Amino acid sequence: MDKIYQATIARWGVDAQYDQAIEECAELIAALKHFKRGKISRHEVIDELADVTLMVGQLRWMFGEELVASAINRKLEKLKHLLDEDEKG
């Protein structure tokens, strides 16, 4: 994947990839809204989710896998704490 990510940056540049990530996220948002109202199929949402997943992978690579993984772990701990609090009361 790293070679593909490097190639996309080399071909289109960092700013274009930021814009592409924004566009793909917006398309997923729209798809989820349409799916919720029964206007599109689950398959169409999955296609948009795949596009976003690929862009998130590229962004993780661009910003640093270790930094993103650390942030994810921190957020998971926070979520776990919130879930534990809900169970207690």
N, C-alpha and C. Protein backbone atom coordinates (compact mmCIF):
# COMPACT_ATOMS: atom_id res chain seq x y z
N MET A 1 0.82 -1.21 0.00
CA MET A 1 0.00 0.00 0.00
C MET A 1 0.85 1.26 0.00
N ASP A 2 1.98 1.21 0.72
CA ASP A 2 2.82 2.40 0.80
C ASP A 2 3.23 2.89 -0.58
N LYS A 3 3.55 1.97 -1.48
CA LYS A 3 3.96 2.37 -2.83
C LYS A 3 2.81 3.05 -3.57
N ILE A 4 1.61 2.56 -3.36
CA ILE A 4 0.44 3.18 -3.99
C ILE A 4 0.23 4.57 -3.42
N TYR A 5 0.34 4.70 -2.10
CA TYR A 5 0.17 6.01 -1.47
C TYR A 5 1.23 6.99 -1.96
N GLN A 6 2.48 6.54 -2.03
CA GLN A 6 3.56 7.40 -2.53
C GLN A 6 3.28 7.82 -3.98
N ALA A 7 2.79 6.89 -4.77
CA ALA A 7 2.51 7.20 -6.18
C ALA A 7 1.39 8.22 -6.32
N THR A 8 0.38 8.13 -5.47
CA THR A 8 -0.71 9.11 -5.58
C THR A 8 -0.23 10.52 -5.21
N ILE A 9 0.63 10.60 -4.20
CA ILE A 9 1.18 11.90 -3.80
C ILE A 9 2.07 12.43 -4.93
N ALA A 10 2.89 11.57 -5.49
CA ALA A 10 3.79 11.99 -6.57
C ALA A 10 2.99 12.48 -7.79
N ARG A 11 1.90 11.81 -8.06
CA ARG A 11 1.12 12.15 -9.25
C ARG A 11 0.24 13.38 -9.06
N TRP A 12 -0.52 13.42 -7.95
CA TRP A 12 -1.50 14.49 -7.79
C TRP A 12 -1.15 15.51 -6.71
N GLY A 13 -0.24 15.20 -5.83
CA GLY A 13 0.17 16.13 -4.78
C GLY A 13 -0.64 16.00 -3.51
N VAL A 14 -0.07 16.51 -2.44
CA VAL A 14 -0.68 16.41 -1.12
C VAL A 14 -2.02 17.13 -1.05
N ASP A 15 -2.07 18.37 -1.53
CA ASP A 15 -3.31 19.14 -1.44
C ASP A 15 -4.45 18.46 -2.18
N ALA A 16 -4.17 17.88 -3.32
CA ALA A 16 -5.21 17.18 -4.08
C ALA A 16 -5.72 15.97 -3.30
N GLN A 17 -4.84 15.31 -2.58
CA GLN A 17 -5.26 14.14 -1.80
C GLN A 17 -6.08 14.57 -0.59
N TYR A 18 -5.75 15.70 0.02
CA TYR A 18 -6.61 16.23 1.08
C TYR A 18 -8.00 16.50 0.53
N ASP A 19 -8.05 17.15 -0.62
CA ASP A 19 -9.35 17.46 -1.24
C ASP A 19 -10.11 16.19 -1.60
N GLN A 20 -9.39 15.17 -2.07
CA GLN A 20 -10.04 13.91 -2.42
C GLN A 20 -10.62 13.25 -1.18
N ALA A 21 -9.90 13.29 -0.08
CA ALA A 21 -10.40 12.73 1.18
C ALA A 21 -11.67 13.45 1.61
N ILE A 22 -11.68 14.77 1.51
CA ILE A 22 -12.85 15.55 1.87
C ILE A 22 -14.04 15.17 0.99
N GLU A 23 -13.80 15.05 -0.30
CA GLU A 23 -14.86 14.69 -1.25
C GLU A 23 -15.42 13.30 -0.95
N GLU A 24 -14.54 12.35 -0.68
CA GLU A 24 -15.01 11.00 -0.40
C GLU A 24 -15.81 10.94 0.90
N CYS A 25 -15.39 11.70 1.90
CA CYS A 25 -16.16 11.75 3.16
C CYS A 25 -17.54 12.36 2.92
N ALA A 26 -17.59 13.40 2.12
CA ALA A 26 -18.87 14.04 1.81
C ALA A 26 -19.79 13.08 1.06
N GLU A 27 -19.22 12.29 0.15
CA GLU A 27 -20.03 11.32 -0.59
C GLU A 27 -20.56 10.24 0.33
N LEU A 28 -19.76 9.82 1.32
CA LEU A 28 -20.24 8.84 2.28
C LEU A 28 -21.36 9.42 3.14
N ILE A 29 -21.20 10.65 3.55
CA ILE A 29 -22.24 11.31 4.34
C ILE A 29 -23.55 11.33 3.56
N ALA A 30 -23.48 11.75 2.31
CA ALA A 30 -24.68 11.80 1.47
C ALA A 30 -25.28 10.41 1.28
N ALA A 31 -24.42 9.42 1.05
CA ALA A 31 -24.90 8.05 0.85
C ALA A 31 -25.61 7.53 2.10
N LEU A 32 -25.06 7.80 3.26
CA LEU A 32 -25.70 7.35 4.49
C LEU A 32 -27.07 8.00 4.69
N LYS A 33 -27.15 9.28 4.37
CA LYS A 33 -28.45 9.97 4.47
C LYS A 33 -29.46 9.35 3.51
N HIS A 34 -29.02 9.07 2.27
CA HIS A 34 -29.92 8.47 1.27
C HIS A 34 -30.31 7.05 1.67
N PHE A 35 -29.36 6.29 2.21
CA PHE A 35 -29.64 4.93 2.64
C PHE A 35 -30.67 4.92 3.77
N LYS A 36 -30.50 5.83 4.69
CA LYS A 36 -31.41 5.93 5.83
C LYS A 36 -32.85 6.19 5.37
N ARG A 37 -32.99 6.89 4.26
CA ARG A 37 -34.32 7.20 3.71
C ARG A 37 -34.77 6.18 2.66
N GLY A 38 -33.96 5.13 2.46
CA GLY A 38 -34.34 4.09 1.52
C GLY A 38 -34.18 4.45 0.06
N LYS A 39 -33.35 5.43 -0.24
CA LYS A 39 -33.18 5.88 -1.62
C LYS A 39 -32.06 5.18 -2.37
N ILE A 40 -31.13 4.56 -1.64
CA ILE A 40 -30.03 3.84 -2.30
C ILE A 40 -29.83 2.50 -1.59
N SER A 41 -29.10 1.64 -2.24
CA SER A 41 -28.86 0.29 -1.70
C SER A 41 -27.69 0.27 -0.73
N ARG A 42 -27.65 -0.79 0.02
CA ARG A 42 -26.53 -1.04 0.95
C ARG A 42 -25.22 -1.12 0.17
N HIS A 43 -25.26 -1.72 -1.01
CA HIS A 43 -24.06 -1.85 -1.85
C HIS A 43 -23.47 -0.48 -2.18
N GLU A 44 -24.31 0.49 -2.45
CA GLU A 44 -23.82 1.84 -2.77
C GLU A 44 -23.13 2.47 -1.56
N VAL A 45 -23.66 2.23 -0.38
CA VAL A 45 -23.02 2.74 0.84
C VAL A 45 -21.67 2.05 1.03
N ILE A 46 -21.62 0.76 0.79
CA ILE A 46 -20.38 0.00 0.94
C ILE A 46 -19.31 0.53 -0.02
N ASP A 47 -19.70 0.85 -1.25
CA ASP A 47 -18.75 1.42 -2.20
C ASP A 47 -18.17 2.74 -1.70
N GLU A 48 -19.03 3.59 -1.14
CA GLU A 48 -18.55 4.87 -0.60
C GLU A 48 -17.68 4.64 0.62
N LEU A 49 -18.05 3.68 1.44
CA LEU A 49 -17.25 3.35 2.62
C LEU A 49 -15.87 2.84 2.21
N ALA A 50 -15.80 2.07 1.15
CA ALA A 50 -14.52 1.59 0.63
C ALA A 50 -13.65 2.76 0.18
N ASP A 51 -14.25 3.74 -0.51
CA ASP A 51 -13.49 4.92 -0.95
C ASP A 51 -12.93 5.68 0.25
N VAL A 52 -13.75 5.87 1.27
CA VAL A 52 -13.30 6.59 2.46
C VAL A 52 -12.21 5.79 3.18
N THR A 53 -12.38 4.49 3.26
CA THR A 53 -11.39 3.64 3.92
C THR A 53 -10.03 3.77 3.24
N LEU A 54 -10.03 3.77 1.91
CA LEU A 54 -8.78 3.95 1.18
C LEU A 54 -8.16 5.31 1.45
N MET A 55 -8.97 6.35 1.48
CA MET A 55 -8.44 7.68 1.75
C MET A 55 -7.95 7.81 3.19
N VAL A 56 -8.64 7.19 4.13
CA VAL A 56 -8.17 7.21 5.51
C VAL A 56 -6.82 6.50 5.62
N GLY A 57 -6.68 5.40 4.90
CA GLY A 57 -5.39 4.71 4.88
C GLY A 57 -4.29 5.62 4.36
N GLN A 58 -4.60 6.35 3.31
CA GLN A 58 -3.61 7.26 2.76
C GLN A 58 -3.30 8.39 3.75
N LEU A 59 -4.31 8.93 4.39
CA LEU A 59 -4.09 9.99 5.37
C LEU A 59 -3.27 9.48 6.56
N ARG A 60 -3.56 8.25 6.98
CA ARG A 60 -2.76 7.65 8.07
C ARG A 60 -1.30 7.59 7.67
N TRP A 61 -1.04 7.18 6.44
CA TRP A 61 0.32 7.10 5.94
C TRP A 61 0.94 8.50 5.88
N MET A 62 0.17 9.48 5.41
CA MET A 62 0.68 10.84 5.26
C MET A 62 1.01 11.48 6.61
N PHE A 63 0.17 11.25 7.61
CA PHE A 63 0.36 11.88 8.91
C PHE A 63 1.21 11.05 9.87
N GLY A 64 1.41 9.79 9.54
CA GLY A 64 2.23 8.91 10.38
C GLY A 64 1.40 7.85 11.06
N GLU A 65 1.64 6.61 10.65
CA GLU A 65 0.88 5.47 11.19
C GLU A 65 0.94 5.40 12.72
N GLU A 66 2.15 5.60 13.26
CA GLU A 66 2.32 5.47 14.71
C GLU A 66 1.54 6.54 15.46
N LEU A 67 1.56 7.76 14.95
CA LEU A 67 0.83 8.85 15.60
C LEU A 67 -0.67 8.61 15.57
N VAL A 68 -1.15 8.14 14.44
CA VAL A 68 -2.58 7.86 14.32
C VAL A 68 -2.97 6.68 15.21
N ALA A 69 -2.15 5.64 15.22
CA ALA A 69 -2.43 4.48 16.08
C ALA A 69 -2.47 4.88 17.55
N SER A 70 -1.57 5.75 17.94
CA SER A 70 -1.55 6.23 19.32
C SER A 70 -2.82 7.02 19.65
N ALA A 71 -3.24 7.86 18.74
CA ALA A 71 -4.47 8.63 18.95
C ALA A 71 -5.68 7.70 19.02
N ILE A 72 -5.70 6.68 18.18
CA ILE A 72 -6.81 5.71 18.21
C ILE A 72 -6.85 5.00 19.55
N ASN A 73 -5.71 4.56 20.02
CA ASN A 73 -5.67 3.88 21.32
C ASN A 73 -6.15 4.78 22.44
N ARG A 74 -5.73 6.03 22.40
CA ARG A 74 -6.17 7.01 23.41
C ARG A 74 -7.69 7.17 23.37
N LYS A 75 -8.25 7.26 22.18
CA LYS A 75 -9.69 7.45 22.03
C LYS A 75 -10.46 6.19 22.42
N LEU A 76 -9.89 5.01 22.13
CA LEU A 76 -10.54 3.77 22.55
C LEU A 76 -10.59 3.66 24.07
N GLU A 77 -9.52 4.08 24.73
CA GLU A 77 -9.52 4.07 26.20
C GLU A 77 -10.59 5.01 26.74
N LYS A 78 -10.75 6.16 26.13
CA LYS A 78 -11.78 7.11 26.54
C LYS A 78 -13.17 6.49 26.35
N LEU A 79 -13.37 5.84 25.21
CA LEU A 79 -14.66 5.21 24.93
C LEU A 79 -14.94 4.09 25.93
N LYS A 80 -13.92 3.29 26.21
CA LYS A 80 -14.08 2.23 27.20
C LYS A 80 -14.47 2.80 28.56
N HIS A 81 -13.83 3.88 28.94
CA HIS A 81 -14.14 4.53 30.21
C HIS A 81 -15.60 5.01 30.23
N LEU A 82 -16.05 5.60 29.14
CA LEU A 82 -17.43 6.07 29.05
C LEU A 82 -18.41 4.91 29.13
N LEU A 83 -18.10 3.80 28.47
CA LEU A 83 -18.96 2.63 28.53
C LEU A 83 -19.00 2.05 29.94
N ASP A 84 -17.85 2.01 30.60
CA ASP A 84 -17.80 1.52 31.98
C ASP A 84 -18.64 2.38 32.90
N GLU A 85 -18.59 3.71 32.70
CA GLU A 85 -19.39 4.62 33.52
C GLU A 85 -20.88 4.39 33.31
N ASP A 86 -21.27 4.16 32.06
CA ASP A 86 -22.69 3.90 31.75
C ASP A 86 -23.18 2.64 32.43
N GLU A 87 -22.34 1.61 32.47
CA GLU A 87 -22.72 0.35 33.10
C GLU A 87 -22.87 0.49 34.60
N LYS A 88 -22.09 1.38 35.19
CA LYS A 88 -22.14 1.57 36.64
C LYS A 88 -23.34 2.39 37.08
N GLY A 89 -23.79 3.21 36.17
CA GLY A 89 -24.90 3.89 36.62
C GLY A 89 -25.48 5.09 36.29
